[in-house]
Amino acid sequence: MYNSRKQEFAVGAFVVVGLLAAIYLTLSLGGTPWSSADSYNIRARFNDVTGLREGSAIRVSGVKVGVVSKLELDRETFAVWAYMNIPNWLILDDDSIAPVITDGLIGDKYLSVLPGRSGIPIEPGGDLYETESAVDLEGLIKNFAFGSVED
């Protein structure tokens, strides 16, 4: 009976350690920050974010540095605010540009941040207005196919 309890405890401990390892790997590979002290949030204003979603990557020079944490529609202007979770080591100036880019021809959308050079940093919780909305490739192809593209 004593050996049986030891065995059950060992199996239970093994299962708990395995679950903790799986959770750790899932969060690490998913790019989830471990604490908010390691990052800060800013928001960027867009006219259209078609295809962008919460959890989309934020990249600088092609390297993933953060994620879009929230998309919110402004009910008065119908603009979209994309909340960006940025690591503390990345200081973005107020003249930075954030276009919505497609990863490949029909891939996922992400924000490609082009750092500015003004020397005036965007404070945590601040706003970025230099943005470029997503290009609607489907609409362009449809217009081209039916001959309604203008010169």
N, C-alpha and C. Protein backbone atom coordinates (compact mmCIF):
# COMPACT_ATOMS: atom_id res chain seq x y z
N MET A 1 0.82 -1.19 0.00
CA MET A 1 0.00 0.00 0.00
C MET A 1 0.87 1.26 0.00
N TYR A 2 1.97 1.23 0.76
CA TYR A 2 2.86 2.37 0.84
C TYR A 2 3.52 2.64 -0.51
N ASN A 3 3.94 1.59 -1.22
CA ASN A 3 4.55 1.74 -2.54
C ASN A 3 3.55 2.31 -3.55
N SER A 4 2.29 1.92 -3.41
CA SER A 4 1.26 2.39 -4.31
C SER A 4 1.08 3.90 -4.18
N ARG A 5 1.09 4.41 -2.97
CA ARG A 5 0.96 5.85 -2.75
C ARG A 5 2.17 6.60 -3.30
N LYS A 6 3.34 6.05 -3.11
CA LYS A 6 4.54 6.66 -3.64
C LYS A 6 4.47 6.75 -5.16
N GLN A 7 4.00 5.68 -5.76
CA GLN A 7 3.87 5.64 -7.21
C GLN A 7 2.85 6.67 -7.69
N GLU A 8 1.71 6.75 -7.03
CA GLU A 8 0.67 7.70 -7.40
C GLU A 8 1.18 9.14 -7.26
N PHE A 9 1.91 9.40 -6.18
CA PHE A 9 2.48 10.74 -5.99
C PHE A 9 3.48 11.07 -7.09
N ALA A 10 4.33 10.13 -7.44
CA ALA A 10 5.33 10.35 -8.48
C ALA A 10 4.66 10.61 -9.83
N VAL A 11 3.62 9.84 -10.16
CA VAL A 11 2.90 10.04 -11.42
C VAL A 11 2.21 11.40 -11.41
N GLY A 12 1.58 11.76 -10.32
CA GLY A 12 0.92 13.06 -10.21
C GLY A 12 1.91 14.21 -10.36
N ALA A 13 3.05 14.11 -9.69
CA ALA A 13 4.08 15.15 -9.80
C ALA A 13 4.58 15.24 -11.24
N PHE A 14 4.77 14.13 -11.90
CA PHE A 14 5.22 14.11 -13.29
C PHE A 14 4.20 14.80 -14.20
N VAL A 15 2.93 14.53 -13.98
CA VAL A 15 1.87 15.15 -14.79
C VAL A 15 1.84 16.67 -14.56
N VAL A 16 1.95 17.11 -13.31
CA VAL A 16 1.94 18.55 -13.01
C VAL A 16 3.14 19.24 -13.66
N VAL A 17 4.32 18.66 -13.54
CA VAL A 17 5.52 19.24 -14.15
C VAL A 17 5.37 19.29 -15.67
N GLY A 18 4.80 18.24 -16.25
CA GLY A 18 4.57 18.21 -17.70
C GLY A 18 3.61 19.30 -18.15
N LEU A 19 2.53 19.50 -17.39
CA LEU A 19 1.57 20.56 -17.72
C LEU A 19 2.20 21.94 -17.60
N LEU A 20 2.98 22.17 -16.56
CA LEU A 20 3.65 23.46 -16.39
C LEU A 20 4.63 23.71 -17.54
N ALA A 21 5.35 22.69 -17.95
CA ALA A 21 6.28 22.83 -19.08
C ALA A 21 5.53 23.14 -20.36
N ALA A 22 4.39 22.50 -20.59
CA ALA A 22 3.59 22.76 -21.79
C ALA A 22 3.06 24.18 -21.79
N ILE A 23 2.59 24.67 -20.65
CA ILE A 23 2.10 26.05 -20.55
C ILE A 23 3.23 27.03 -20.80
N TYR A 24 4.39 26.78 -20.20
CA TYR A 24 5.55 27.66 -20.40
C TYR A 24 5.93 27.72 -21.87
N LEU A 25 6.02 26.58 -22.54
CA LEU A 25 6.38 26.55 -23.96
C LEU A 25 5.34 27.25 -24.82
N THR A 26 4.07 27.05 -24.52
CA THR A 26 3.01 27.69 -25.28
C THR A 26 3.10 29.20 -25.17
N LEU A 27 3.29 29.72 -23.98
CA LEU A 27 3.39 31.17 -23.79
C LEU A 27 4.68 31.73 -24.39
N SER A 28 5.78 31.00 -24.25
CA SER A 28 7.05 31.48 -24.79
C SER A 28 7.03 31.52 -26.31
N LEU A 29 6.55 30.47 -26.93
CA LEU A 29 6.51 30.42 -28.39
C LEU A 29 5.47 31.36 -28.96
N GLY A 30 4.44 31.65 -28.17
CA GLY A 30 3.40 32.58 -28.61
C GLY A 30 3.80 34.04 -28.47
N GLY A 31 4.94 34.29 -27.85
CA GLY A 31 5.41 35.67 -27.71
C GLY A 31 4.73 36.45 -26.61
N THR A 32 4.10 35.77 -25.67
CA THR A 32 3.42 36.45 -24.58
C THR A 32 4.44 36.99 -23.59
N PRO A 33 4.38 38.30 -23.29
CA PRO A 33 5.32 38.84 -22.32
C PRO A 33 5.01 38.30 -20.93
N TRP A 34 6.05 38.04 -20.14
CA TRP A 34 5.86 37.47 -18.80
C TRP A 34 5.41 38.49 -17.78
N SER A 35 5.76 39.72 -17.99
CA SER A 35 5.27 40.74 -17.06
C SER A 35 5.12 42.05 -17.80
N SER A 36 4.19 42.87 -17.34
CA SER A 36 3.97 44.15 -18.00
C SER A 36 5.12 45.12 -17.72
N ALA A 37 5.98 44.80 -16.75
CA ALA A 37 7.12 45.66 -16.46
C ALA A 37 8.15 45.59 -17.58
N ASP A 38 8.11 44.56 -18.41
CA ASP A 38 9.06 44.40 -19.50
C ASP A 38 8.62 45.12 -20.76
N SER A 39 7.42 45.71 -20.75
CA SER A 39 6.90 46.33 -21.96
C SER A 39 5.98 47.50 -21.61
N TYR A 40 5.63 48.26 -22.64
CA TYR A 40 4.69 49.37 -22.47
C TYR A 40 3.74 49.38 -23.65
N ASN A 41 2.66 50.11 -23.53
CA ASN A 41 1.65 50.17 -24.59
C ASN A 41 1.58 51.57 -25.18
N ILE A 42 1.43 51.60 -26.50
CA ILE A 42 1.08 52.82 -27.20
C ILE A 42 -0.06 52.44 -28.14
N ARG A 43 -0.69 53.42 -28.73
CA ARG A 43 -1.74 53.10 -29.68
C ARG A 43 -1.51 53.87 -30.97
N ALA A 44 -1.95 53.26 -32.07
CA ALA A 44 -1.79 53.86 -33.39
C ALA A 44 -3.16 53.99 -34.03
N ARG A 45 -3.39 55.11 -34.73
CA ARG A 45 -4.69 55.39 -35.34
C ARG A 45 -4.65 55.03 -36.83
N PHE A 46 -5.64 54.22 -37.25
CA PHE A 46 -5.76 53.78 -38.63
C PHE A 46 -7.16 54.07 -39.17
N ASN A 47 -7.25 54.26 -40.48
CA ASN A 47 -8.56 54.37 -41.12
C ASN A 47 -9.13 52.98 -41.40
N ASP A 48 -8.25 52.00 -41.64
CA ASP A 48 -8.68 50.64 -41.99
C ASP A 48 -7.61 49.65 -41.56
N VAL A 49 -8.01 48.61 -40.86
CA VAL A 49 -7.06 47.57 -40.44
C VAL A 49 -7.50 46.20 -40.91
N THR A 50 -8.12 46.13 -42.07
CA THR A 50 -8.62 44.86 -42.60
C THR A 50 -7.54 43.79 -42.52
N GLY A 51 -7.85 42.68 -41.89
CA GLY A 51 -6.94 41.55 -41.78
C GLY A 51 -6.06 41.57 -40.54
N LEU A 52 -5.89 42.74 -39.92
CA LEU A 52 -5.10 42.82 -38.69
C LEU A 52 -5.99 42.36 -37.55
N ARG A 53 -5.41 41.68 -36.57
CA ARG A 53 -6.21 41.19 -35.45
C ARG A 53 -5.41 41.28 -34.16
N GLU A 54 -6.10 41.11 -33.06
CA GLU A 54 -5.40 41.08 -31.77
C GLU A 54 -4.46 39.88 -31.79
N GLY A 55 -3.23 40.10 -31.36
CA GLY A 55 -2.21 39.06 -31.39
C GLY A 55 -1.32 39.12 -32.63
N SER A 56 -1.67 39.99 -33.60
CA SER A 56 -0.82 40.15 -34.77
C SER A 56 0.54 40.70 -34.35
N ALA A 57 1.56 40.34 -35.11
CA ALA A 57 2.93 40.73 -34.79
C ALA A 57 3.17 42.21 -35.07
N ILE A 58 4.09 42.77 -34.31
CA ILE A 58 4.65 44.09 -34.58
C ILE A 58 6.12 43.83 -34.88
N ARG A 59 6.58 44.28 -36.05
CA ARG A 59 7.95 44.00 -36.47
C ARG A 59 8.71 45.29 -36.76
N VAL A 60 9.98 45.26 -36.44
CA VAL A 60 10.92 46.32 -36.80
C VAL A 60 12.03 45.65 -37.59
N SER A 61 12.26 46.09 -38.82
CA SER A 61 13.26 45.51 -39.70
C SER A 61 13.04 44.00 -39.88
N GLY A 62 11.80 43.57 -39.87
CA GLY A 62 11.46 42.17 -40.07
C GLY A 62 11.50 41.30 -38.83
N VAL A 63 11.93 41.86 -37.70
CA VAL A 63 12.05 41.10 -36.45
C VAL A 63 10.84 41.40 -35.57
N LYS A 64 10.20 40.33 -35.08
CA LYS A 64 9.04 40.51 -34.20
C LYS A 64 9.50 41.08 -32.87
N VAL A 65 8.90 42.23 -32.50
CA VAL A 65 9.26 42.89 -31.24
C VAL A 65 8.07 43.04 -30.30
N GLY A 66 6.87 42.78 -30.78
CA GLY A 66 5.69 42.95 -29.94
C GLY A 66 4.46 42.41 -30.60
N VAL A 67 3.31 42.69 -29.99
CA VAL A 67 2.03 42.22 -30.52
C VAL A 67 0.98 43.32 -30.42
N VAL A 68 -0.01 43.20 -31.29
CA VAL A 68 -1.18 44.06 -31.20
C VAL A 68 -2.05 43.49 -30.08
N SER A 69 -2.24 44.26 -29.02
CA SER A 69 -2.96 43.73 -27.86
C SER A 69 -4.46 43.97 -27.94
N LYS A 70 -4.89 44.98 -28.73
CA LYS A 70 -6.32 45.30 -28.77
C LYS A 70 -6.60 46.16 -29.99
N LEU A 71 -7.76 45.95 -30.61
CA LEU A 71 -8.25 46.82 -31.68
C LEU A 71 -9.56 47.42 -31.21
N GLU A 72 -9.69 48.74 -31.36
CA GLU A 72 -10.87 49.42 -30.84
C GLU A 72 -11.37 50.44 -31.86
N LEU A 73 -12.66 50.38 -32.16
CA LEU A 73 -13.27 51.32 -33.10
C LEU A 73 -13.69 52.58 -32.36
N ASP A 74 -13.25 53.74 -32.87
CA ASP A 74 -13.68 55.03 -32.32
C ASP A 74 -15.08 55.30 -32.85
N ARG A 75 -16.05 55.37 -31.98
CA ARG A 75 -17.46 55.48 -32.38
C ARG A 75 -17.81 56.83 -33.00
N GLU A 76 -16.99 57.84 -32.75
CA GLU A 76 -17.26 59.16 -33.32
C GLU A 76 -16.65 59.33 -34.71
N THR A 77 -15.41 58.92 -34.87
CA THR A 77 -14.70 59.14 -36.13
C THR A 77 -14.62 57.89 -37.01
N PHE A 78 -14.96 56.75 -36.46
CA PHE A 78 -14.88 55.45 -37.13
C PHE A 78 -13.45 55.08 -37.51
N ALA A 79 -12.49 55.71 -36.86
CA ALA A 79 -11.10 55.31 -36.99
C ALA A 79 -10.88 54.10 -36.08
N VAL A 80 -9.80 53.39 -36.30
CA VAL A 80 -9.48 52.22 -35.49
C VAL A 80 -8.21 52.50 -34.71
N TRP A 81 -8.24 52.25 -33.42
CA TRP A 81 -7.05 52.38 -32.57
C TRP A 81 -6.49 50.98 -32.36
N ALA A 82 -5.24 50.79 -32.76
CA ALA A 82 -4.53 49.53 -32.54
C ALA A 82 -3.60 49.74 -31.35
N TYR A 83 -3.83 49.00 -30.29
CA TYR A 83 -2.99 49.09 -29.11
C TYR A 83 -1.80 48.16 -29.29
N MET A 84 -0.61 48.73 -29.15
CA MET A 84 0.62 48.00 -29.43
C MET A 84 1.40 47.78 -28.15
N ASN A 85 1.76 46.52 -27.89
CA ASN A 85 2.57 46.16 -26.73
C ASN A 85 4.02 46.11 -27.19
N ILE A 86 4.83 47.05 -26.71
CA ILE A 86 6.20 47.25 -27.17
C ILE A 86 7.17 46.97 -26.01
N PRO A 87 8.29 46.28 -26.27
CA PRO A 87 9.26 46.05 -25.19
C PRO A 87 9.92 47.36 -24.75
N ASN A 88 10.28 47.44 -23.47
CA ASN A 88 10.86 48.66 -22.91
C ASN A 88 12.14 49.10 -23.62
N TRP A 89 12.92 48.17 -24.13
CA TRP A 89 14.19 48.54 -24.75
C TRP A 89 13.99 49.24 -26.10
N LEU A 90 12.79 49.16 -26.68
CA LEU A 90 12.52 49.79 -27.97
C LEU A 90 11.86 51.15 -27.74
N ILE A 91 12.59 52.22 -27.98
CA ILE A 91 12.08 53.57 -27.82
C ILE A 91 11.70 54.09 -29.21
N LEU A 92 10.40 54.35 -29.39
CA LEU A 92 9.91 54.85 -30.67
C LEU A 92 9.71 56.36 -30.60
N ASP A 93 10.19 57.06 -31.62
CA ASP A 93 10.00 58.51 -31.69
C ASP A 93 8.62 58.83 -32.24
N ASP A 94 8.17 60.07 -32.00
CA ASP A 94 6.82 60.45 -32.38
C ASP A 94 6.60 60.55 -33.89
N ASP A 95 7.68 60.50 -34.68
CA ASP A 95 7.53 60.52 -36.14
C ASP A 95 7.69 59.12 -36.76
N SER A 96 7.60 58.09 -35.93
CA SER A 96 7.65 56.72 -36.44
C SER A 96 6.42 56.45 -37.29
N ILE A 97 6.54 55.53 -38.22
CA ILE A 97 5.45 55.19 -39.12
C ILE A 97 5.09 53.72 -38.91
N ALA A 98 3.80 53.41 -38.92
CA ALA A 98 3.33 52.03 -38.70
C ALA A 98 2.37 51.61 -39.81
N PRO A 99 2.89 51.05 -40.91
CA PRO A 99 1.99 50.53 -41.95
C PRO A 99 1.53 49.11 -41.63
N VAL A 100 0.32 48.77 -42.10
CA VAL A 100 -0.16 47.40 -42.02
C VAL A 100 0.36 46.68 -43.25
N ILE A 101 1.08 45.58 -43.05
CA ILE A 101 1.75 44.85 -44.12
C ILE A 101 1.21 43.42 -44.18
N THR A 102 1.19 42.86 -45.38
CA THR A 102 0.81 41.46 -45.55
C THR A 102 2.07 40.61 -45.63
N ASP A 103 2.10 39.53 -44.88
CA ASP A 103 3.23 38.61 -44.89
C ASP A 103 3.09 37.70 -46.11
N GLY A 104 3.75 38.05 -47.19
CA GLY A 104 3.61 37.31 -48.44
C GLY A 104 2.41 37.82 -49.21
N LEU A 105 2.03 37.10 -50.26
CA LEU A 105 0.94 37.55 -51.11
C LEU A 105 -0.42 37.47 -50.41
N ILE A 106 -0.68 36.37 -49.71
CA ILE A 106 -1.97 36.21 -49.03
C ILE A 106 -1.80 35.81 -47.57
N GLY A 107 -0.67 36.20 -46.98
CA GLY A 107 -0.39 35.82 -45.60
C GLY A 107 -1.09 36.69 -44.57
N ASP A 108 -0.71 36.49 -43.31
CA ASP A 108 -1.26 37.26 -42.21
C ASP A 108 -0.81 38.72 -42.29
N LYS A 109 -1.58 39.58 -41.69
CA LYS A 109 -1.24 41.00 -41.61
C LYS A 109 -0.45 41.24 -40.32
N TYR A 110 0.45 42.22 -40.38
CA TYR A 110 1.20 42.62 -39.20
C TYR A 110 1.53 44.10 -39.31
N LEU A 111 1.98 44.70 -38.21
CA LEU A 111 2.41 46.09 -38.21
C LEU A 111 3.93 46.13 -38.36
N SER A 112 4.39 46.83 -39.36
CA SER A 112 5.82 47.01 -39.59
C SER A 112 6.17 48.42 -39.15
N VAL A 113 6.81 48.55 -38.02
CA VAL A 113 7.11 49.88 -37.49
C VAL A 113 8.43 50.38 -38.07
N LEU A 114 8.38 51.56 -38.66
CA LEU A 114 9.56 52.23 -39.20
C LEU A 114 9.94 53.33 -38.21
N PRO A 115 10.99 53.10 -37.40
CA PRO A 115 11.33 54.07 -36.36
C PRO A 115 11.66 55.44 -36.93
N GLY A 116 11.20 56.47 -36.24
CA GLY A 116 11.47 57.84 -36.63
C GLY A 116 12.80 58.33 -36.09
N ARG A 117 13.11 59.58 -36.39
CA ARG A 117 14.38 60.15 -35.98
C ARG A 117 14.21 61.54 -35.34
N SER A 118 13.03 61.84 -34.82
CA SER A 118 12.78 63.17 -34.27
C SER A 118 13.50 63.39 -32.94
N GLY A 119 13.79 62.31 -32.22
CA GLY A 119 14.39 62.45 -30.90
C GLY A 119 13.37 62.69 -29.80
N ILE A 120 12.09 62.74 -30.18
CA ILE A 120 11.03 62.93 -29.19
C ILE A 120 10.30 61.59 -29.03
N PRO A 121 10.54 60.88 -27.93
CA PRO A 121 9.95 59.55 -27.77
C PRO A 121 8.44 59.59 -27.50
N ILE A 122 7.76 58.55 -27.96
CA ILE A 122 6.35 58.39 -27.61
C ILE A 122 6.31 57.83 -26.20
N GLU A 123 5.64 58.53 -25.33
CA GLU A 123 5.54 58.10 -23.93
C GLU A 123 4.62 56.89 -23.83
N PRO A 124 4.81 56.02 -22.82
CA PRO A 124 3.87 54.92 -22.60
C PRO A 124 2.44 55.46 -22.51
N GLY A 125 1.55 54.83 -23.25
CA GLY A 125 0.16 55.27 -23.32
C GLY A 125 -0.06 56.34 -24.37
N GLY A 126 1.01 56.73 -25.08
CA GLY A 126 0.91 57.77 -26.08
C GLY A 126 0.35 57.26 -27.40
N ASP A 127 0.19 58.19 -28.35
CA ASP A 127 -0.44 57.88 -29.62
C ASP A 127 0.53 58.06 -30.78
N LEU A 128 0.36 57.22 -31.79
CA LEU A 128 1.12 57.27 -33.04
C LEU A 128 0.12 57.53 -34.16
N TYR A 129 0.32 58.63 -34.89
CA TYR A 129 -0.63 59.02 -35.93
C TYR A 129 -0.13 58.74 -37.34
N GLU A 130 1.17 58.53 -37.50
CA GLU A 130 1.74 58.26 -38.82
C GLU A 130 1.55 56.77 -39.14
N THR A 131 0.45 56.46 -39.79
CA THR A 131 0.12 55.07 -40.10
C THR A 131 -0.29 54.94 -41.56
N GLU A 132 -0.26 53.72 -42.04
CA GLU A 132 -0.73 53.41 -43.39
C GLU A 132 -1.66 52.22 -43.28
N SER A 133 -2.86 52.37 -43.80
CA SER A 133 -3.85 51.31 -43.71
C SER A 133 -3.50 50.13 -44.60
N ALA A 134 -4.19 49.04 -44.36
CA ALA A 134 -3.97 47.82 -45.13
C ALA A 134 -4.37 48.02 -46.58
N VAL A 135 -3.61 47.42 -47.49
CA VAL A 135 -3.96 47.43 -48.91
C VAL A 135 -4.93 46.28 -49.16
N ASP A 136 -6.05 46.58 -49.80
CA ASP A 136 -7.06 45.56 -50.09
C ASP A 136 -6.73 44.88 -51.42
N LEU A 137 -5.87 43.83 -51.34
CA LEU A 137 -5.45 43.14 -52.56
C LEU A 137 -6.62 42.50 -53.30
N GLU A 138 -7.55 41.96 -52.56
CA GLU A 138 -8.71 41.32 -53.19
C GLU A 138 -9.50 42.33 -54.01
N GLY A 139 -9.70 43.52 -53.44
CA GLY A 139 -10.42 44.57 -54.16
C GLY A 139 -9.66 45.04 -55.39
N LEU A 140 -8.33 45.18 -55.26
CA LEU A 140 -7.52 45.59 -56.41
C LEU A 140 -7.58 44.57 -57.53
N ILE A 141 -7.48 43.29 -57.18
CA ILE A 141 -7.54 42.23 -58.20
C ILE A 141 -8.91 42.21 -58.86
N LYS A 142 -9.96 42.36 -58.06
CA LYS A 142 -11.31 42.38 -58.60
C LYS A 142 -11.50 43.55 -59.57
N ASN A 143 -11.03 44.73 -59.18
CA ASN A 143 -11.12 45.89 -60.05
C ASN A 143 -10.31 45.71 -61.33
N PHE A 144 -9.14 45.13 -61.20
CA PHE A 144 -8.30 44.89 -62.39
C PHE A 144 -8.96 43.89 -63.33
N ALA A 145 -9.52 42.82 -62.75
CA ALA A 145 -10.14 41.77 -63.56
C ALA A 145 -11.37 42.28 -64.32
N PHE A 146 -12.10 43.21 -63.72
CA PHE A 146 -13.31 43.72 -64.37
C PHE A 146 -13.09 45.07 -65.04
N GLY A 147 -11.83 45.51 -65.17
CA GLY A 147 -11.49 46.69 -65.95
C GLY A 147 -11.84 48.02 -65.35
N SER A 148 -11.94 48.13 -64.01
CA SER A 148 -12.31 49.41 -63.44
C SER A 148 -11.14 50.08 -62.72
N VAL A 149 -9.90 49.65 -63.01
CA VAL A 149 -8.74 50.28 -62.41
C VAL A 149 -8.42 51.53 -63.21
N GLU A 150 -8.22 52.64 -62.51
CA GLU A 150 -7.92 53.91 -63.18
C GLU A 150 -6.42 54.11 -63.25
N ASP A 151 -5.95 54.87 -64.26
CA ASP A 151 -4.52 55.15 -64.42
C ASP A 151 -4.03 56.11 -63.39
